[in-house]
Amino acid sequence: MKAAGIVPWMLTGDKKETALNLANAAGLVSSPAKVIDLCEVVDRDVAVLVEQLHRELSVEFYSQSAR
């Protein structure tokens, strides 16, 4: 997927542990450093935060793909 420029996102209503296990089993993450946990977000607008994270991750992804 990375070579095709596809950046997967996973949104779930499961418990955090279940979501992490599913993401690992599906190969969406290989380390906890790549997981962004929005469970504790209370004082910021989640939509704004997700947009900001998407921009940051897209820049990181495309800079790594260019190497």
Protein backbone atom coordinates (compact mmCIF):
# COMPACT_ATOMS: atom_id res chain seq x y z
CA MET A 1 0.00 0.00 0.00
CA LYS A 2 2.84 2.37 0.82
CA ALA A 3 4.30 2.09 -2.68
CA ALA A 4 0.87 2.99 -4.10
CA GLY A 5 0.62 6.08 -1.88
CA ILE A 6 -2.21 4.68 0.23
CA VAL A 7 -2.23 5.81 3.85
CA PRO A 8 -4.56 3.56 5.87
CA TRP A 9 -6.59 4.87 8.78
CA MET A 10 -8.42 2.75 11.30
CA LEU A 11 -11.37 4.07 13.28
CA THR A 12 -13.08 1.75 15.70
CA GLY A 13 -15.50 1.80 18.58
CA ASP A 14 -13.80 -1.17 20.20
CA LYS A 15 -11.76 -1.06 23.36
CA LYS A 16 -8.31 0.41 22.82
CA GLU A 17 -6.59 -2.94 23.37
CA THR A 18 -8.85 -4.67 20.83
CA ALA A 19 -8.25 -1.95 18.25
CA LEU A 20 -4.47 -2.19 18.70
CA ASN A 21 -4.57 -5.98 18.38
CA LEU A 22 -6.66 -5.74 15.20
CA ALA A 23 -4.35 -3.10 13.72
CA ASN A 24 -1.30 -5.24 14.46
CA ALA A 25 -2.94 -8.37 13.06
CA ALA A 26 -3.92 -6.51 9.88
CA GLY A 27 -0.41 -5.12 9.47
CA LEU A 28 -1.57 -1.51 9.76
CA VAL A 29 0.98 -0.75 12.48
CA SER A 30 4.30 -2.27 13.31
CA SER A 31 5.08 -0.35 16.47
CA PRO A 32 3.19 1.68 19.09
CA ALA A 33 4.98 4.80 17.86
CA LYS A 34 2.73 4.83 14.79
CA VAL A 35 -0.50 4.79 16.81
CA ILE A 36 -2.31 8.05 17.46
CA ASP A 37 -4.77 7.59 20.29
CA LEU A 38 -7.68 10.05 20.23
CA CYS A 39 -9.36 8.53 23.31
CA GLU A 40 -7.97 11.15 25.66
CA VAL A 41 -8.82 14.17 23.48
CA VAL A 42 -11.30 16.32 25.35
CA ASP A 43 -10.22 19.94 25.11
CA ARG A 44 -9.68 20.20 21.35
CA ASP A 45 -12.03 19.76 18.47
CA VAL A 46 -11.39 16.21 17.26
CA ALA A 47 -12.08 17.11 13.62
CA VAL A 48 -9.43 19.84 13.71
CA LEU A 49 -6.96 17.48 15.38
CA VAL A 50 -7.58 14.72 12.81
CA GLU A 51 -7.08 17.18 9.93
CA GLN A 52 -3.82 18.39 11.47
CA LEU A 53 -2.59 14.82 12.00
CA HIS A 54 -3.53 13.91 8.43
CA ARG A 55 -1.48 16.80 7.05
CA GLU A 56 1.52 15.93 9.23
CA LEU A 57 1.39 12.21 8.42
CA SER A 58 0.92 12.87 4.71
CA VAL A 59 4.01 15.06 4.63
CA GLU A 60 5.98 12.40 6.53
CA PHE A 61 4.69 9.62 4.30
CA TYR A 62 5.47 11.36 1.03
CA SER A 63 8.91 12.48 2.20
CA GLN A 64 9.76 8.85 3.05
CA SER A 65 8.36 7.62 -0.29
CA ALA A 66 10.61 10.00 -2.21
CA ARG A 67 13.74 8.38 -0.75
